[in-house]
Amino acid sequence: MEANKFLDAKGLACPMPIVKTRKAMNDLLSGQILEIHATDKGAKNDLTAWAKSGGHELVKHEEENGILKFWIIKG
């Protein structure tokens, strides 16, 4: 999946992945995609809940070699 912007949140503990995601989403237009890479295991639940509450859509997530990858479409 091709993203319009990439956010490297690896090594950051909660709540920093959400804080950085919120800031990065502000730079996107509605319908654009943000790709996030994180290592905090809580990021999956946090980003899922954050996207839903903010009117965004978490369209894909996967884990590869301990890195959690997320793709969120801005609402």
PDB file of N, CA and C in Angstrom:
ATOM      1  N   MET A   1       0.852  -1.179   0.000  1.00  0.00           N
ATOM      2  CA  MET A   1       0.000   0.000   0.000  1.00  0.00           C
ATOM      3  C   MET A   1       0.896   1.240   0.000  1.00  0.00           C
ATOM      4  N   GLU A   2       0.620   2.145  -0.918  1.00  0.00           N
ATOM      5  CA  GLU A   2       1.455   3.327  -1.038  1.00  0.00           C
ATOM      6  C   GLU A   2       0.910   4.457  -0.169  1.00  0.00           C
ATOM      7  N   ALA A   3       1.789   5.016   0.678  1.00  0.00           N
ATOM      8  CA  ALA A   3       1.398   6.080   1.593  1.00  0.00           C
ATOM      9  C   ALA A   3       1.859   7.434   1.063  1.00  0.00           C
ATOM     10  N   ASN A   4       1.139   8.478   1.477  1.00  0.00           N
ATOM     11  CA  ASN A   4       1.517   9.836   1.119  1.00  0.00           C
ATOM     12  C   ASN A   4       2.578  10.380   2.066  1.00  0.00           C
ATOM     13  N   LYS A   5       2.616   9.838   3.289  1.00  0.00           N
ATOM     14  CA  LYS A   5       3.569  10.293   4.299  1.00  0.00           C
ATOM     15  C   LYS A   5       3.951   9.102   5.162  1.00  0.00           C
ATOM     16  N   PHE A   6       5.199   9.112   5.657  1.00  0.00           N
ATOM     17  CA  PHE A   6       5.711   8.032   6.505  1.00  0.00           C
ATOM     18  C   PHE A   6       6.093   8.594   7.863  1.00  0.00           C
ATOM     19  N   LEU A   7       5.742   7.872   8.928  1.00  0.00           N
ATOM     20  CA  LEU A   7       6.104   8.261  10.286  1.00  0.00           C
ATOM     21  C   LEU A   7       6.863   7.116  10.941  1.00  0.00           C
ATOM     22  N   ASP A   8       8.071   7.397  11.391  1.00  0.00           N
ATOM     23  CA  ASP A   8       8.883   6.412  12.108  1.00  0.00           C
ATOM     24  C   ASP A   8       8.703   6.653  13.602  1.00  0.00           C
ATOM     25  N   ALA A   9       7.919   5.795  14.257  1.00  0.00           N
ATOM     26  CA  ALA A   9       7.677   5.911  15.697  1.00  0.00           C
ATOM     27  C   ALA A   9       8.327   4.744  16.443  1.00  0.00           C
ATOM     28  N   LYS A  10       9.310   4.100  15.815  1.00  0.00           N
ATOM     29  CA  LYS A  10       9.988   2.973  16.457  1.00  0.00           C
ATOM     30  C   LYS A  10      10.762   3.466  17.671  1.00  0.00           C
ATOM     31  N   GLY A  11      10.708   2.681  18.754  1.00  0.00           N
ATOM     32  CA  GLY A  11      11.435   3.023  19.968  1.00  0.00           C
ATOM     33  C   GLY A  11      10.706   4.001  20.871  1.00  0.00           C
ATOM     34  N   LEU A  12       9.555   4.484  20.448  1.00  0.00           N
ATOM     35  CA  LEU A  12       8.789   5.428  21.262  1.00  0.00           C
ATOM     36  C   LEU A  12       7.750   4.677  22.088  1.00  0.00           C
ATOM     37  N   ALA A  13       7.618   5.083  23.347  1.00  0.00           N
ATOM     38  CA  ALA A  13       6.627   4.469  24.235  1.00  0.00           C
ATOM     39  C   ALA A  13       5.365   5.327  24.251  1.00  0.00           C
ATOM     40  N   CYS A  14       4.267   4.688  24.608  1.00  0.00           N
ATOM     41  CA  CYS A  14       2.982   5.362  24.727  1.00  0.00           C
ATOM     42  C   CYS A  14       3.133   6.574  25.654  1.00  0.00           C
ATOM     43  N   PRO A  15       2.611   7.715  25.346  1.00  0.00           N
ATOM     44  CA  PRO A  15       1.675   8.024  24.265  1.00  0.00           C
ATOM     45  C   PRO A  15       2.326   8.635  23.017  1.00  0.00           C
ATOM     46  N   MET A  16       3.653   8.596  22.923  1.00  0.00           N
ATOM     47  CA  MET A  16       4.337   9.310  21.840  1.00  0.00           C
ATOM     48  C   MET A  16       3.940   8.856  20.423  1.00  0.00           C
ATOM     49  N   PRO A  17       3.721   7.559  20.154  1.00  0.00           N
ATOM     50  CA  PRO A  17       3.278   7.215  18.793  1.00  0.00           C
ATOM     51  C   PRO A  17       1.978   7.923  18.394  1.00  0.00           C
ATOM     52  N   ILE A  18       1.052   8.078  19.341  1.00  0.00           N
ATOM     53  CA  ILE A  18      -0.211   8.772  19.060  1.00  0.00           C
ATOM     54  C   ILE A  18       0.030  10.258  18.860  1.00  0.00           C
ATOM     55  N   VAL A  19       0.859  10.845  19.712  1.00  0.00           N
ATOM     56  CA  VAL A  19       1.170  12.281  19.607  1.00  0.00           C
ATOM     57  C   VAL A  19       1.793  12.580  18.244  1.00  0.00           C
ATOM     58  N   LYS A  20       2.756  11.760  17.845  1.00  0.00           N
ATOM     59  CA  LYS A  20       3.428  11.965  16.552  1.00  0.00           C
ATOM     60  C   LYS A  20       2.473  11.694  15.387  1.00  0.00           C
ATOM     61  N   THR A  21       1.595  10.693  15.535  1.00  0.00           N
ATOM     62  CA  THR A  21       0.620  10.382  14.490  1.00  0.00           C
ATOM     63  C   THR A  21      -0.331  11.556  14.297  1.00  0.00           C
ATOM     64  N   ARG A  22      -0.830  12.112  15.386  1.00  0.00           N
ATOM     65  CA  ARG A  22      -1.750  13.249  15.308  1.00  0.00           C
ATOM     66  C   ARG A  22      -1.096  14.413  14.567  1.00  0.00           C
ATOM     67  N   LYS A  23       0.155  14.701  14.901  1.00  0.00           N
ATOM     68  CA  LYS A  23       0.889  15.801  14.256  1.00  0.00           C
ATOM     69  C   LYS A  23       1.079  15.525  12.761  1.00  0.00           C
ATOM     70  N   ALA A  24       1.439  14.291  12.415  1.00  0.00           N
ATOM     71  CA  ALA A  24       1.660  13.933  11.010  1.00  0.00           C
ATOM     72  C   ALA A  24       0.359  13.998  10.213  1.00  0.00           C
ATOM     73  N   MET A  25      -0.752  13.606  10.821  1.00  0.00           N
ATOM     74  CA  MET A  25      -2.043  13.622  10.125  1.00  0.00           C
ATOM     75  C   MET A  25      -2.481  15.047   9.790  1.00  0.00           C
ATOM     76  N   ASN A  26      -2.049  16.003  10.601  1.00  0.00           N
ATOM     77  CA  ASN A  26      -2.405  17.398  10.345  1.00  0.00           C
ATOM     78  C   ASN A  26      -1.828  17.896   9.022  1.00  0.00           C
ATOM     79  N   ASP A  27      -0.757  17.268   8.555  1.00  0.00           N
ATOM     80  CA  ASP A  27      -0.108  17.666   7.299  1.00  0.00           C
ATOM     81  C   ASP A  27      -0.750  17.033   6.067  1.00  0.00           C
ATOM     82  N   LEU A  28      -1.694  16.109   6.276  1.00  0.00           N
ATOM     83  CA  LEU A  28      -2.312  15.391   5.162  1.00  0.00           C
ATOM     84  C   LEU A  28      -3.680  15.973   4.817  1.00  0.00           C
ATOM     85  N   LEU A  29      -4.080  15.741   3.581  1.00  0.00           N
ATOM     86  CA  LEU A  29      -5.418  16.101   3.137  1.00  0.00           C
ATOM     87  C   LEU A  29      -6.340  14.898   3.332  1.00  0.00           C
ATOM     88  N   SER A  30      -7.616  15.144   3.414  1.00  0.00           N
ATOM     89  CA  SER A  30      -8.592  14.069   3.550  1.00  0.00           C
ATOM     90  C   SER A  30      -8.423  13.055   2.420  1.00  0.00           C
ATOM     91  N   GLY A  31      -8.385  11.778   2.777  1.00  0.00           N
ATOM     92  CA  GLY A  31      -8.219  10.712   1.795  1.00  0.00           C
ATOM     93  C   GLY A  31      -6.779  10.275   1.583  1.00  0.00           C
ATOM     94  N   GLN A  32      -5.823  11.045   2.120  1.00  0.00           N
ATOM     95  CA  GLN A  32      -4.423  10.650   1.985  1.00  0.00           C
ATOM     96  C   GLN A  32      -4.069   9.622   3.068  1.00  0.00           C
ATOM     97  N   ILE A  33      -2.971   8.896   2.825  1.00  0.00           N
ATOM     98  CA  ILE A  33      -2.595   7.774   3.695  1.00  0.00           C
ATOM     99  C   ILE A  33      -1.301   8.066   4.441  1.00  0.00           C
ATOM    100  N   LEU A  34      -1.324   7.771   5.752  1.00  0.00           N
ATOM    101  CA  LEU A  34      -0.142   7.861   6.598  1.00  0.00           C
ATOM    102  C   LEU A  34       0.293   6.443   6.948  1.00  0.00           C
ATOM    103  N   GLU A  35       1.569   6.139   6.722  1.00  0.00           N
ATOM    104  CA  GLU A  35       2.148   4.855   7.119  1.00  0.00           C
ATOM    105  C   GLU A  35       2.968   5.085   8.376  1.00  0.00           C
ATOM    106  N   ILE A  36       2.714   4.263   9.394  1.00  0.00           N
ATOM    107  CA  ILE A  36       3.389   4.400  10.686  1.00  0.00           C
ATOM    108  C   ILE A  36       4.093   3.097  11.018  1.00  0.00           C
ATOM    109  N   HIS A  37       5.338   3.205  11.460  1.00  0.00           N
ATOM    110  CA  HIS A  37       6.078   2.043  11.966  1.00  0.00           C
ATOM    111  C   HIS A  37       6.342   2.289  13.447  1.00  0.00           C
ATOM    112  N   ALA A  38       5.976   1.328  14.288  1.00  0.00           N
ATOM    113  CA  ALA A  38       6.142   1.454  15.733  1.00  0.00           C
ATOM    114  C   ALA A  38       6.626   0.130  16.315  1.00  0.00           C
ATOM    115  N   THR A  39       7.197   0.211  17.508  1.00  0.00           N
ATOM    116  CA  THR A  39       7.635  -0.996  18.203  1.00  0.00           C
ATOM    117  C   THR A  39       6.884  -1.183  19.520  1.00  0.00           C
ATOM    118  N   ASP A  40       6.149  -0.189  19.968  1.00  0.00           N
ATOM    119  CA  ASP A  40       5.372  -0.277  21.202  1.00  0.00           C
ATOM    120  C   ASP A  40       4.166  -1.182  20.959  1.00  0.00           C
ATOM    121  N   LYS A  41       4.087  -2.282  21.704  1.00  0.00           N
ATOM    122  CA  LYS A  41       3.013  -3.265  21.498  1.00  0.00           C
ATOM    123  C   LYS A  41       1.621  -2.671  21.730  1.00  0.00           C
ATOM    124  N   GLY A  42       1.531  -1.626  22.549  1.00  0.00           N
ATOM    125  CA  GLY A  42       0.245  -0.984  22.801  1.00  0.00           C
ATOM    126  C   GLY A  42      -0.223  -0.125  21.636  1.00  0.00           C
ATOM    127  N   ALA A  43       0.643   0.106  20.668  1.00  0.00           N
ATOM    128  CA  ALA A  43       0.302   0.980  19.546  1.00  0.00           C
ATOM    129  C   ALA A  43      -0.877   0.454  18.740  1.00  0.00           C
ATOM    130  N   LYS A  44      -1.013  -0.854  18.648  1.00  0.00           N
ATOM    131  CA  LYS A  44      -2.115  -1.420  17.853  1.00  0.00           C
ATOM    132  C   LYS A  44      -3.461  -0.972  18.406  1.00  0.00           C
ATOM    133  N   ASN A  45      -3.684  -1.178  19.688  1.00  0.00           N
ATOM    134  CA  ASN A  45      -4.949  -0.775  20.300  1.00  0.00           C
ATOM    135  C   ASN A  45      -5.096   0.740  20.308  1.00  0.00           C
ATOM    136  N   ASP A  46      -3.999   1.428  20.626  1.00  0.00           N
ATOM    137  CA  ASP A  46      -4.044   2.891  20.710  1.00  0.00           C
ATOM    138  C   ASP A  46      -4.378   3.521  19.360  1.00  0.00           C
ATOM    139  N   LEU A  47      -3.682   3.088  18.307  1.00  0.00           N
ATOM    140  CA  LEU A  47      -3.906   3.676  16.988  1.00  0.00           C
ATOM    141  C   LEU A  47      -5.274   3.310  16.419  1.00  0.00           C
ATOM    142  N   THR A  48      -5.721   2.096  16.700  1.00  0.00           N
ATOM    143  CA  THR A  48      -7.046   1.680  16.244  1.00  0.00           C
ATOM    144  C   THR A  48      -8.118   2.566  16.871  1.00  0.00           C
ATOM    145  N   ALA A  49      -8.041   2.754  18.179  1.00  0.00           N
ATOM    146  CA  ALA A  49      -9.020   3.584  18.893  1.00  0.00           C
ATOM    147  C   ALA A  49      -8.903   5.051  18.479  1.00  0.00           C
ATOM    148  N   TRP A  50      -7.686   5.540  18.340  1.00  0.00           N
ATOM    149  CA  TRP A  50      -7.477   6.937  17.963  1.00  0.00           C
ATOM    150  C   TRP A  50      -8.040   7.220  16.575  1.00  0.00           C
ATOM    151  N   ALA A  51      -7.766   6.345  15.616  1.00  0.00           N
ATOM    152  CA  ALA A  51      -8.242   6.535  14.250  1.00  0.00           C
ATOM    153  C   ALA A  51      -9.770   6.586  14.225  1.00  0.00           C
ATOM    154  N   LYS A  52     -10.400   5.645  14.927  1.00  0.00           N
ATOM    155  CA  LYS A  52     -11.858   5.573  14.952  1.00  0.00           C
ATOM    156  C   LYS A  52     -12.451   6.832  15.578  1.00  0.00           C
ATOM    157  N   SER A  53     -11.898   7.283  16.700  1.00  0.00           N
ATOM    158  CA  SER A  53     -12.445   8.453  17.395  1.00  0.00           C
ATOM    159  C   SER A  53     -12.210   9.737  16.611  1.00  0.00           C
ATOM    160  N   GLY A  54     -11.185   9.744  15.751  1.00  0.00           N
ATOM    161  CA  GLY A  54     -10.882  10.942  14.977  1.00  0.00           C
ATOM    162  C   GLY A  54     -11.516  10.975  13.604  1.00  0.00           C
ATOM    163  N   GLY A  55     -12.285   9.942  13.266  1.00  0.00           N
ATOM    164  CA  GLY A  55     -12.940   9.901  11.970  1.00  0.00           C
ATOM    165  C   GLY A  55     -12.032   9.425  10.841  1.00  0.00           C
ATOM    166  N   HIS A  56     -10.931   8.788  11.208  1.00  0.00           N
ATOM    167  CA  HIS A  56      -9.993   8.248  10.220  1.00  0.00           C
ATOM    168  C   HIS A  56     -10.238   6.738  10.092  1.00  0.00           C
ATOM    169  N   GLU A  57      -9.562   6.118   9.131  1.00  0.00           N
ATOM    170  CA  GLU A  57      -9.756   4.682   8.928  1.00  0.00           C
ATOM    171  C   GLU A  57      -8.415   3.957   8.925  1.00  0.00           C
ATOM    172  N   LEU A  58      -8.247   3.030   9.871  1.00  0.00           N
ATOM    173  CA  LEU A  58      -7.070   2.153   9.886  1.00  0.00           C
ATOM    174  C   LEU A  58      -7.353   1.058   8.865  1.00  0.00           C
ATOM    175  N   VAL A  59      -6.714   1.144   7.706  1.00  0.00           N
ATOM    176  CA  VAL A  59      -7.051   0.234   6.615  1.00  0.00           C
ATOM    177  C   VAL A  59      -6.206  -1.032   6.594  1.00  0.00           C
ATOM    178  N   LYS A  60      -5.041  -0.982   7.229  1.00  0.00           N
ATOM    179  CA  LYS A  60      -4.182  -2.163   7.215  1.00  0.00           C
ATOM    180  C   LYS A  60      -3.194  -2.084   8.365  1.00  0.00           C
ATOM    181  N   HIS A  61      -2.874  -3.246   8.943  1.00  0.00           N
ATOM    182  CA  HIS A  61      -1.780  -3.314   9.908  1.00  0.00           C
ATOM    183  C   HIS A  61      -1.145  -4.691   9.801  1.00  0.00           C
ATOM    184  N   GLU A  62       0.145  -4.716  10.023  1.00  0.00           N
ATOM    185  CA  GLU A  62       0.876  -5.979   9.985  1.00  0.00           C
ATOM    186  C   GLU A  62       2.090  -5.863  10.896  1.00  0.00           C
ATOM    187  N   GLU A  63       2.662  -7.015  11.228  1.00  0.00           N
ATOM    188  CA  GLU A  63       3.867  -7.038  12.045  1.00  0.00           C
ATOM    189  C   GLU A  63       4.945  -7.782  11.269  1.00  0.00           C
ATOM    190  N   GLU A  64       6.125  -7.176  11.259  1.00  0.00           N
ATOM    191  CA  GLU A  64       7.249  -7.764  10.528  1.00  0.00           C
ATOM    192  C   GLU A  64       8.528  -7.556  11.334  1.00  0.00           C
ATOM    193  N   ASN A  65       9.126  -8.641  11.776  1.00  0.00           N
ATOM    194  CA  ASN A  65      10.375  -8.583  12.554  1.00  0.00           C
ATOM    195  C   ASN A  65      10.263  -7.666  13.767  1.00  0.00           C
ATOM    196  N   GLY A  66       9.127  -7.737  14.477  1.00  0.00           N
ATOM    197  CA  GLY A  66       8.936  -6.940  15.689  1.00  0.00           C
ATOM    198  C   GLY A  66       8.525  -5.497  15.434  1.00  0.00           C
ATOM    199  N   ILE A  67       8.352  -5.136  14.174  1.00  0.00           N
ATOM    200  CA  ILE A  67       7.925  -3.778  13.834  1.00  0.00           C
ATOM    201  C   ILE A  67       6.455  -3.818  13.433  1.00  0.00           C
ATOM    202  N   LEU A  68       5.666  -3.020  14.117  1.00  0.00           N
ATOM    203  CA  LEU A  68       4.244  -2.913  13.813  1.00  0.00           C
ATOM    204  C   LEU A  68       4.075  -1.843  12.742  1.00  0.00           C
ATOM    205  N   LYS A  69       3.357  -2.178  11.679  1.00  0.00           N
ATOM    206  CA  LYS A  69       3.146  -1.247  10.571  1.00  0.00           C
ATOM    207  C   LYS A  69       1.651  -0.975  10.422  1.00  0.00           C
ATOM    208  N   PHE A  70       1.328   0.292  10.272  1.00  0.00           N
ATOM    209  CA  PHE A  70      -0.070   0.715  10.178  1.00  0.00           C
ATOM    210  C   PHE A  70      -0.241   1.659   8.998  1.00  0.00           C
ATOM    211  N   TRP A  71      -1.409   1.582   8.357  1.00  0.00           N
ATOM    212  CA  TRP A  71      -1.767   2.513   7.293  1.00  0.00           C
ATOM    213  C   TRP A  71      -3.115   3.104   7.653  1.00  0.00           C
ATOM    214  N   ILE A  72      -3.152   4.437   7.811  1.00  0.00           N
ATOM    215  CA  ILE A  72      -4.376   5.135   8.206  1.00  0.00           C
ATOM    216  C   ILE A  72      -4.745   6.154   7.134  1.00  0.00           C
ATOM    217  N   ILE A  73      -6.006   6.102   6.694  1.00  0.00           N
ATOM    218  CA  ILE A  73      -6.512   7.086   5.748  1.00  0.00           C
ATOM    219  C   ILE A  73      -7.136   8.228   6.539  1.00  0.00           C
ATOM    220  N   LYS A  74      -6.724   9.454   6.217  1.00  0.00           N
ATOM    221  CA  LYS A  74      -7.271  10.610   6.911  1.00  0.00           C
ATOM    222  C   LYS A  74      -8.732  10.810   6.509  1.00  0.00           C
ATOM    223  N   GLY A  75      -9.578  11.027   7.508  1.00  0.00           N
ATOM    224  CA  GLY A  75     -10.999  11.236   7.282  1.00  0.00           C
ATOM    225  C   GLY A  75     -11.338  12.650   6.869  1.00  0.00           C
TER     226      GLY A  75
END
